[in-house]
Amino acid sequence: MTSLTQRRRQTPQAGMTLLELLISMSIGLIILAGLGYSYLAARNTFREQDALSRMQEGARLAFDVVSKDIHMAGFTGCSSTLSTANSPANAAAEWYQYFDNNTNTSNLTKTYFLTGYENSNEATIAFNSTSNYKSTFPADANFKTNVAGVTGFVSQGDVLLVKHVDPSQQYIVTTGAPANPLVLNTTNNFKNGQILIGANCFSGTAGIEIFKDSCTTSTCTGNKLAYTSTNALATTVTNSVVYPLSANVYFICRPKTDPTLTWTTPTGYACTNNTDPALYRVSLAADGTLSTQELVEGVQDMQLSYLVIKSGDTTFTPQCYANASDITNNTVKCNGTSITTDWNSILGVRISLLMVSRSTEANITTEAQPFQLDTNGDGVINTSDTPLEKVTPTDNQLRKVFTTTVMVKNY
């Protein structure tokens, strides 16, 4: 009788059948497919969330920069009712050389402390159409002609001009006009050619004057400030305050690399080698020239509307929101009633930014991403409005509209 161990050794070993192998492989493939799908879904979710976070941060930064400027619009260092005299006496009179809130009447100098420009060239917001990307600023204000240094392609959006004194630098005049140079209370950091504001708020000769620093190493030392202007200074007397002028223009610029651009790049193209649409700013530099900076990338559209009051209303009763073109034309229809208003009658600015994911993130979404954007400033999204306010782009990039309202504090 053989032992149990011997019988086991004599029993043949049974392997896996083909059917069992196929079943095992099928189960393994299903598990791998599930893991792969989960990985891809998690990866796509991460990409979308990362892009959305970047868009939110960009919108927050843009709102912060523009809001601070709007809050300060019209700040002269004194009451905004004081008139402004003189100009810097530059050979070419530009928008930033006037600080009078439109007391000049010529078209070139007709710029307020806060002025909007409606992109009336927009015909549609269908992003794949070349007709929508214009090489000029709005024709209703001749913006490209009248605002030196701001040239380039505006893909979408309105334009905002803001002027005020810069309170971060202020010097008290200890020896004032008609002396030239002026003597300030301490050594100043002004540059030759810089445009300055003299604010006299309380003297019997109260007023605001704009002039240009003409100091050189041979004419000014220490706390002295030589100047040039169209006329001799009259109100920048002892105890006045001198500030630098802050002047900025905000606009959207389309990248040079956009394949849909078919026209010749205009001279003085302001946009640098960005690869995505961006919020740009043209600013008055310390030497009296203009400089262009890219502020936030991924801003495809900026739509602005303005909370207006009736012209001359000393009770500051808000009427409605209006677009720039209607305000420029001095007539706005509020709740069915036409009112007379102007750029001196602005209580607040509503800013809507259309943020878009990077061009390198094409097809970041698996389906079209519709959005709604108020393009005519009436506060209502309508399918009948032009440009279109309900849009479904087909490029599968991520887009989101962010909106904020900023109050004007110095009008």
Protein backbone atom coordinates (compact mmCIF):
# COMPACT_ATOMS: atom_id res chain seq x y z
CA MET A 1 0.00 0.00 0.00
CA THR A 2 1.53 3.24 -1.08
CA SER A 3 1.76 6.10 1.31
CA LEU A 4 -0.32 9.26 1.00
CA THR A 5 2.80 11.22 0.07
CA GLN A 6 3.60 8.84 -2.73
CA ARG A 7 0.04 9.09 -4.10
CA ARG A 8 0.25 12.86 -4.12
CA ARG A 9 3.49 12.72 -6.05
CA GLN A 10 1.94 10.45 -8.60
CA THR A 11 -1.12 12.75 -9.08
CA PRO A 12 -0.61 15.03 -12.16
CA GLN A 13 -0.56 18.86 -11.54
CA ALA A 14 -3.54 20.65 -13.10
CA GLY A 15 -2.81 24.14 -14.79
CA MET A 16 -5.12 27.02 -15.82
CA THR A 17 -7.36 26.42 -18.73
CA LEU A 18 -7.49 28.89 -21.64
CA LEU A 19 -10.93 30.02 -20.54
CA GLU A 20 -9.69 30.77 -17.01
CA LEU A 21 -6.75 32.73 -18.44
CA LEU A 22 -9.00 34.80 -20.67
CA ILE A 23 -11.34 35.56 -17.80
CA SER A 24 -8.44 36.61 -15.58
CA MET A 25 -6.99 38.84 -18.27
CA SER A 26 -10.39 40.43 -18.93
CA ILE A 27 -10.85 41.22 -15.25
CA GLY A 28 -7.34 42.71 -15.10
CA LEU A 29 -7.97 44.85 -18.17
CA ILE A 30 -11.24 46.14 -16.71
CA ILE A 31 -9.44 47.10 -13.50
CA LEU A 32 -6.64 48.81 -15.44
CA ALA A 33 -9.17 50.66 -17.62
CA GLY A 34 -10.99 51.84 -14.50
CA LEU A 35 -7.76 53.02 -12.94
CA GLY A 36 -6.74 54.75 -16.17
CA TYR A 37 -10.12 56.45 -16.50
CA SER A 38 -9.95 57.59 -12.87
CA TYR A 39 -6.44 58.94 -13.42
CA LEU A 40 -7.41 60.84 -16.57
CA ALA A 41 -10.55 62.22 -14.92
CA ALA A 42 -8.54 63.35 -11.90
CA ARG A 43 -5.88 64.85 -14.17
CA ASN A 44 -8.46 66.76 -16.23
CA THR A 45 -10.20 67.95 -13.07
CA PHE A 46 -6.87 69.17 -11.72
CA ARG A 47 -6.13 71.00 -14.98
CA GLU A 48 -9.54 72.66 -14.96
CA GLN A 49 -9.27 73.64 -11.29
CA ASP A 50 -5.74 74.91 -11.79
CA ALA A 51 -6.82 77.01 -14.79
CA LEU A 52 -9.88 78.30 -12.93
CA SER A 53 -7.76 79.25 -9.91
CA ARG A 54 -5.35 81.12 -12.17
CA MET A 55 -8.28 82.93 -13.83
CA GLN A 56 -9.73 83.88 -10.44
CA GLU A 57 -6.39 85.20 -9.23
CA GLY A 58 -5.98 87.16 -12.46
CA ALA A 59 -9.44 88.72 -12.12
CA ARG A 60 -8.77 89.56 -8.47
CA LEU A 61 -5.49 91.27 -9.36
CA ALA A 62 -7.09 93.20 -12.23
CA PHE A 63 -9.96 94.36 -10.02
CA ASP A 64 -7.55 95.42 -7.29
CA VAL A 65 -5.37 97.52 -9.61
CA VAL A 66 -8.21 99.17 -11.55
CA SER A 67 -10.40 99.69 -8.46
CA LYS A 68 -7.70 101.61 -6.61
CA ASP A 69 -7.31 103.91 -9.61
CA ILE A 70 -11.07 104.47 -9.96
CA HIS A 71 -11.38 105.25 -6.25
CA MET A 72 -8.79 108.02 -6.72
CA ALA A 73 -10.17 109.39 -10.02
CA GLY A 74 -10.47 113.14 -9.86
CA PHE A 75 -8.48 113.56 -6.66
CA THR A 76 -6.71 116.91 -7.01
CA GLY A 77 -5.50 117.39 -3.46
CA CYS A 78 -8.33 119.90 -3.01
CA SER A 79 -12.03 120.21 -3.73
CA SER A 80 -12.85 118.98 -7.22
CA THR A 81 -14.79 122.22 -7.81
CA LEU A 82 -11.55 124.23 -8.07
CA SER A 83 -10.57 125.05 -11.63
CA THR A 84 -7.23 124.09 -13.14
CA ALA A 85 -4.94 126.55 -14.84
CA ASN A 86 -2.01 126.25 -17.24
CA SER A 87 -0.65 123.30 -19.14
CA PRO A 88 2.91 121.93 -19.21
CA ALA A 89 3.69 123.77 -22.47
CA ASN A 90 4.78 120.66 -24.33
CA ALA A 91 5.08 120.89 -28.09
CA ALA A 92 2.47 118.16 -28.61
CA ALA A 93 -0.58 118.56 -26.37
CA GLU A 94 -1.66 115.10 -25.25
CA TRP A 95 -4.50 113.81 -23.10
CA TYR A 96 -2.32 113.50 -19.98
CA GLN A 97 -1.18 117.14 -20.15
CA TYR A 98 -4.56 118.48 -19.10
CA PHE A 99 -6.05 118.21 -15.63
CA ASP A 100 -9.15 120.35 -15.95
CA ASN A 101 -11.98 117.81 -16.20
CA ASN A 102 -12.96 119.08 -19.61
CA THR A 103 -12.88 122.85 -19.18
CA ASN A 104 -10.99 122.86 -22.48
CA THR A 105 -13.33 122.45 -25.43
CA SER A 106 -11.16 121.17 -28.26
CA ASN A 107 -11.54 117.49 -29.14
CA LEU A 108 -7.92 116.73 -28.29
CA THR A 109 -8.13 118.06 -24.74
CA LYS A 110 -11.62 116.79 -24.10
CA THR A 111 -10.68 114.22 -21.49
CA TYR A 112 -12.19 114.08 -18.03
CA PHE A 113 -10.63 112.74 -14.85
CA LEU A 114 -12.49 109.52 -15.62
CA THR A 115 -13.51 108.75 -19.19
CA GLY A 116 -14.79 105.55 -20.78
CA TYR A 117 -14.67 104.48 -24.41
CA GLU A 118 -17.16 102.00 -25.77
CA ASN A 119 -15.81 99.44 -28.19
CA SER A 120 -18.43 100.27 -30.77
CA ASN A 121 -16.43 98.36 -33.39
CA GLU A 122 -17.53 95.06 -31.86
CA ALA A 123 -19.90 93.28 -34.18
CA THR A 124 -20.01 89.95 -32.39
CA ILE A 125 -18.32 87.96 -29.67
CA ALA A 126 -17.90 84.83 -31.81
CA PHE A 127 -14.28 84.23 -30.95
CA ASN A 128 -13.32 82.44 -34.13
CA SER A 129 -14.28 85.37 -36.35
CA THR A 130 -11.63 87.81 -37.54
CA SER A 131 -14.24 90.55 -37.91
CA ASN A 132 -14.35 90.86 -34.13
CA TYR A 133 -10.74 91.86 -33.57
CA LYS A 134 -10.14 95.44 -34.52
CA SER A 135 -6.90 97.33 -34.94
CA THR A 136 -8.38 100.66 -33.87
CA PHE A 137 -10.00 102.01 -30.75
CA PRO A 138 -13.66 103.12 -30.76
CA ALA A 139 -14.46 105.52 -33.56
CA ASP A 140 -16.97 107.45 -31.44
CA ALA A 141 -14.13 108.97 -29.40
CA ASN A 142 -11.26 108.78 -31.92
CA PHE A 143 -9.37 107.13 -29.11
CA LYS A 144 -6.44 105.87 -31.11
CA THR A 145 -5.79 109.34 -32.50
CA ASN A 146 -6.32 111.28 -29.31
CA VAL A 147 -4.48 109.11 -26.79
CA ALA A 148 -0.78 108.95 -27.56
CA GLY A 149 0.96 105.68 -26.86
CA VAL A 150 -2.15 103.49 -26.85
CA THR A 151 -2.07 101.64 -30.14
CA GLY A 152 -2.50 98.00 -30.95
CA PHE A 153 -5.14 95.34 -31.37
CA VAL A 154 -8.12 95.44 -29.06
CA SER A 155 -9.63 91.98 -29.20
CA GLN A 156 -12.71 92.81 -27.18
CA GLY A 157 -13.70 95.30 -24.64
CA ASP A 158 -14.08 98.85 -23.48
CA VAL A 159 -11.33 101.30 -22.57
CA LEU A 160 -10.97 103.35 -19.37
CA LEU A 161 -8.93 106.51 -18.80
CA VAL A 162 -8.25 107.67 -15.22
CA LYS A 163 -6.39 110.76 -13.94
CA HIS A 164 -5.61 112.02 -10.43
CA VAL A 165 -2.74 113.28 -8.35
CA ASP A 166 -0.49 110.68 -6.76
CA PRO A 167 -0.71 111.20 -2.98
CA SER A 168 2.18 108.82 -2.31
CA GLN A 169 4.48 111.76 -3.07
CA GLN A 170 3.59 115.21 -1.77
CA TYR A 171 5.73 118.21 -0.87
CA ILE A 172 4.82 121.48 0.83
CA VAL A 173 5.91 124.66 -0.92
CA THR A 174 7.93 126.92 1.39
CA THR A 175 8.72 129.53 -1.27
CA GLY A 176 6.02 129.66 -3.91
CA ALA A 177 5.03 131.47 -7.08
CA PRO A 178 6.02 133.68 -8.72
CA ALA A 179 9.40 132.29 -7.67
CA ASN A 180 11.01 129.87 -10.11
CA PRO A 181 12.39 127.52 -8.95
CA LEU A 182 9.95 126.78 -6.17
CA VAL A 183 11.41 125.75 -2.83
CA LEU A 184 9.91 122.68 -1.18
CA ASN A 185 10.01 121.52 2.43
CA THR A 186 12.44 118.69 1.69
CA THR A 187 14.50 117.12 -1.07
CA ASN A 188 12.13 115.86 -3.79
CA ASN A 189 12.30 112.84 -6.07
CA PHE A 190 10.76 114.46 -9.13
CA LYS A 191 12.37 113.91 -12.54
CA ASN A 192 13.09 116.30 -15.35
CA GLY A 193 10.04 116.34 -17.63
CA GLN A 194 7.68 114.95 -14.98
CA ILE A 195 4.19 116.47 -15.01
CA LEU A 196 3.20 117.90 -11.63
CA ILE A 197 0.16 119.37 -9.93
CA GLY A 198 0.26 122.36 -7.57
CA ALA A 199 -2.73 122.30 -5.18
CA ASN A 200 -3.64 125.42 -3.20
CA CYS A 201 -6.76 124.56 -1.23
CA PHE A 202 -7.22 127.35 1.31
CA SER A 203 -5.41 130.51 0.28
CA GLY A 204 -7.20 133.48 -1.17
CA THR A 205 -5.67 132.48 -4.49
CA ALA A 206 -6.92 128.88 -4.25
CA GLY A 207 -6.62 126.80 -7.37
CA ILE A 208 -5.03 123.85 -9.13
CA GLU A 209 -2.13 124.31 -11.54
CA ILE A 210 -0.41 121.82 -13.81
CA PHE A 211 3.21 122.30 -14.86
CA LYS A 212 6.33 120.38 -15.82
CA ASP A 213 9.53 119.80 -13.89
CA SER A 214 12.41 121.42 -15.75
CA CYS A 215 15.13 120.76 -13.20
CA THR A 216 18.56 119.74 -14.36
CA THR A 217 21.69 119.19 -12.33
CA SER A 218 22.66 122.79 -13.05
CA THR A 219 19.31 124.43 -12.25
CA CYS A 220 18.06 122.51 -9.21
CA THR A 221 19.68 121.09 -6.13
CA GLY A 222 18.22 119.74 -2.90
CA ASN A 223 14.68 120.95 -2.34
CA LYS A 224 14.39 123.30 -5.34
CA LEU A 225 11.93 122.70 -8.18
CA ALA A 226 12.21 124.57 -11.47
CA TYR A 227 9.20 124.39 -13.77
CA THR A 228 7.75 125.29 -17.17
CA SER A 229 4.11 126.04 -18.02
CA THR A 230 2.08 128.04 -20.52
CA ASN A 231 1.89 130.92 -18.04
CA ALA A 232 3.66 131.85 -14.83
CA LEU A 233 2.28 130.00 -11.83
CA ALA A 234 -0.19 132.08 -9.83
CA THR A 235 -1.85 129.86 -7.22
CA THR A 236 1.02 127.51 -6.31
CA VAL A 237 2.11 129.84 -3.55
CA THR A 238 3.70 129.25 -0.15
CA ASN A 239 1.99 126.40 1.76
CA SER A 240 0.60 124.86 -1.42
CA VAL A 241 1.22 121.15 -2.01
CA VAL A 242 2.94 119.68 -5.08
CA TYR A 243 2.05 116.18 -6.32
CA PRO A 244 3.02 114.11 -9.37
CA LEU A 245 0.24 113.45 -11.87
CA SER A 246 -1.05 109.88 -12.22
CA ALA A 247 -2.62 109.12 -15.61
CA ASN A 248 -3.53 105.61 -16.80
CA VAL A 249 -5.40 104.02 -19.68
CA TYR A 250 -6.67 100.42 -19.31
CA PHE A 251 -7.51 98.29 -22.35
CA ILE A 252 -7.48 94.72 -23.65
CA CYS A 253 -4.80 93.74 -26.14
CA ARG A 254 -4.85 90.72 -28.40
CA PRO A 255 -1.59 88.79 -28.76
CA LYS A 256 0.66 89.32 -31.76
CA THR A 257 0.76 85.59 -32.36
CA ASP A 258 -2.98 85.29 -33.02
CA PRO A 259 -3.30 83.39 -36.32
CA THR A 260 -6.57 85.19 -37.15
CA LEU A 261 -4.83 88.55 -37.55
CA THR A 262 -4.66 89.39 -41.23
CA TRP A 263 -3.81 93.11 -41.22
CA THR A 264 -0.52 94.93 -40.89
CA THR A 265 0.66 95.70 -37.37
CA PRO A 266 0.24 99.46 -36.85
CA THR A 267 3.19 101.66 -35.96
CA GLY A 268 3.70 102.00 -32.22
CA TYR A 269 2.11 98.65 -31.46
CA ALA A 270 1.69 98.72 -27.70
CA CYS A 271 1.36 95.02 -26.96
CA THR A 272 4.54 93.10 -26.29
CA ASN A 273 5.24 89.48 -27.17
CA ASN A 274 2.37 88.05 -25.18
CA THR A 275 0.80 84.83 -26.37
CA ASP A 276 -2.60 85.35 -24.75
CA PRO A 277 -5.04 88.27 -24.59
CA ALA A 278 -4.24 90.47 -21.63
CA LEU A 279 -5.24 93.56 -19.68
CA TYR A 280 -2.79 96.34 -20.48
CA ARG A 281 -2.12 99.74 -18.98
CA VAL A 282 -0.49 102.78 -20.55
CA SER A 283 0.84 105.00 -17.76
CA LEU A 284 2.45 108.39 -17.47
CA ALA A 285 6.05 107.73 -16.43
CA ALA A 286 8.18 109.84 -14.11
CA ASP A 287 10.01 111.45 -17.03
CA GLY A 288 6.79 112.67 -18.64
CA THR A 289 6.65 109.95 -21.30
CA LEU A 290 4.23 107.03 -21.66
CA SER A 291 5.05 103.46 -20.73
CA THR A 292 3.08 100.31 -21.49
CA GLN A 293 2.72 97.40 -19.07
CA GLU A 294 0.95 94.08 -19.29
CA LEU A 295 -1.01 93.76 -16.04
CA VAL A 296 -2.90 90.47 -16.22
CA GLU A 297 -2.83 87.77 -18.89
CA GLY A 298 -5.89 85.82 -19.91
CA VAL A 299 -8.34 88.77 -19.98
CA GLN A 300 -10.29 88.41 -23.21
CA ASP A 301 -12.92 91.08 -22.71
CA MET A 302 -13.55 94.04 -20.41
CA GLN A 303 -17.03 95.52 -20.37
CA LEU A 304 -17.69 98.70 -18.40
CA SER A 305 -20.92 100.43 -17.41
CA TYR A 306 -21.29 103.54 -15.31
CA LEU A 307 -23.72 104.51 -12.55
CA VAL A 308 -24.84 108.01 -13.50
CA ILE A 309 -26.67 110.93 -11.94
CA LYS A 310 -28.30 113.84 -13.74
CA SER A 311 -25.90 116.57 -14.75
CA GLY A 312 -25.62 119.13 -11.97
CA ASP A 313 -27.54 117.03 -9.43
CA THR A 314 -26.16 118.15 -6.04
CA THR A 315 -28.14 115.43 -4.23
CA PHE A 316 -26.20 112.71 -6.11
CA THR A 317 -29.31 110.60 -6.69
CA PRO A 318 -28.33 107.52 -8.73
CA GLN A 319 -30.33 107.03 -11.90
CA CYS A 320 -29.12 103.93 -13.77
CA TYR A 321 -26.13 102.26 -15.38
CA ALA A 322 -25.15 103.44 -18.84
CA ASN A 323 -22.50 102.70 -21.44
CA ALA A 324 -19.72 105.07 -22.44
CA SER A 325 -21.13 106.09 -25.81
CA ASP A 326 -24.42 107.31 -24.31
CA ILE A 327 -22.60 109.30 -21.62
CA THR A 328 -20.31 110.86 -24.22
CA ASN A 329 -23.44 111.86 -26.16
CA ASN A 330 -24.82 113.35 -22.90
CA THR A 331 -28.13 111.48 -23.13
CA VAL A 332 -28.98 108.30 -21.22
CA LYS A 333 -32.32 106.52 -21.07
CA CYS A 334 -33.06 105.41 -17.49
CA ASN A 335 -36.20 103.37 -16.87
CA GLY A 336 -37.67 104.64 -20.11
CA THR A 337 -36.92 108.31 -19.39
CA SER A 338 -34.10 110.21 -21.06
CA ILE A 339 -31.81 112.21 -18.76
CA THR A 340 -28.91 114.54 -19.43
CA THR A 341 -25.61 113.39 -17.94
CA ASP A 342 -21.86 113.64 -18.55
CA TRP A 343 -18.50 112.33 -17.36
CA ASN A 344 -18.63 114.64 -14.35
CA SER A 345 -21.72 112.77 -13.16
CA ILE A 346 -20.37 109.28 -12.46
CA LEU A 347 -20.98 107.61 -9.09
CA GLY A 348 -19.51 104.19 -9.84
CA VAL A 349 -18.12 101.83 -12.45
CA ARG A 350 -19.28 98.25 -12.98
CA ILE A 351 -16.46 96.12 -14.39
CA SER A 352 -17.00 92.73 -16.03
CA LEU A 353 -13.95 90.74 -17.08
CA LEU A 354 -14.10 87.70 -19.34
CA MET A 355 -11.20 85.51 -18.26
CA VAL A 356 -9.94 82.72 -20.50
CA SER A 357 -7.55 79.82 -19.97
CA ARG A 358 -4.15 79.87 -21.63
CA SER A 359 -3.79 79.16 -25.32
CA THR A 360 -1.53 76.24 -24.38
CA GLU A 361 -4.52 74.71 -22.59
CA ALA A 362 -6.63 74.14 -25.70
CA ASN A 363 -9.34 71.50 -25.29
CA ILE A 364 -9.05 71.74 -21.52
CA THR A 365 -12.78 71.05 -21.41
CA THR A 366 -14.52 68.19 -23.17
CA GLU A 367 -17.53 70.26 -24.17
CA ALA A 368 -18.35 73.84 -25.11
CA GLN A 369 -18.45 76.30 -22.21
CA PRO A 370 -21.22 78.90 -22.65
CA PHE A 371 -21.07 82.23 -20.85
CA GLN A 372 -23.12 85.41 -20.51
CA LEU A 373 -21.71 88.93 -20.66
CA ASP A 374 -23.54 92.27 -20.55
CA THR A 375 -22.03 94.10 -23.53
CA ASN A 376 -24.25 97.19 -23.74
CA GLY A 377 -24.31 98.18 -20.07
CA ASP A 378 -28.04 97.85 -19.48
CA GLY A 379 -27.62 95.24 -16.76
CA VAL A 380 -29.78 92.70 -18.59
CA ILE A 381 -28.66 89.70 -20.63
CA ASN A 382 -30.69 89.63 -23.84
CA THR A 383 -30.43 87.41 -26.90
CA SER A 384 -31.35 90.37 -29.09
CA ASP A 385 -28.51 92.66 -27.93
CA THR A 386 -25.54 93.41 -30.17
CA PRO A 387 -22.79 92.43 -29.53
CA LEU A 388 -24.08 89.03 -28.51
CA GLU A 389 -24.48 88.54 -24.76
CA LYS A 390 -25.04 84.76 -24.69
CA VAL A 391 -22.13 82.99 -26.32
CA THR A 392 -21.00 79.38 -26.68
CA PRO A 393 -17.41 79.29 -28.03
CA THR A 394 -16.31 76.14 -29.82
CA ASP A 395 -12.62 76.04 -28.91
CA ASN A 396 -13.15 74.14 -25.62
CA GLN A 397 -11.15 76.64 -23.61
CA LEU A 398 -12.28 77.49 -20.11
CA ARG A 399 -13.97 80.90 -19.69
CA LYS A 400 -15.60 82.66 -16.79
CA VAL A 401 -17.04 86.15 -16.27
CA PHE A 402 -16.14 88.05 -13.08
CA THR A 403 -17.93 91.28 -12.11
CA THR A 404 -17.38 93.95 -9.49
CA THR A 405 -18.65 97.48 -8.84
CA VAL A 406 -16.32 100.31 -7.78
CA MET A 407 -17.49 103.62 -6.34
CA VAL A 408 -15.93 106.91 -7.46
CA LYS A 409 -15.01 108.85 -4.34
CA ASN A 410 -13.74 112.21 -5.56
CA TYR A 411 -16.44 113.55 -7.88
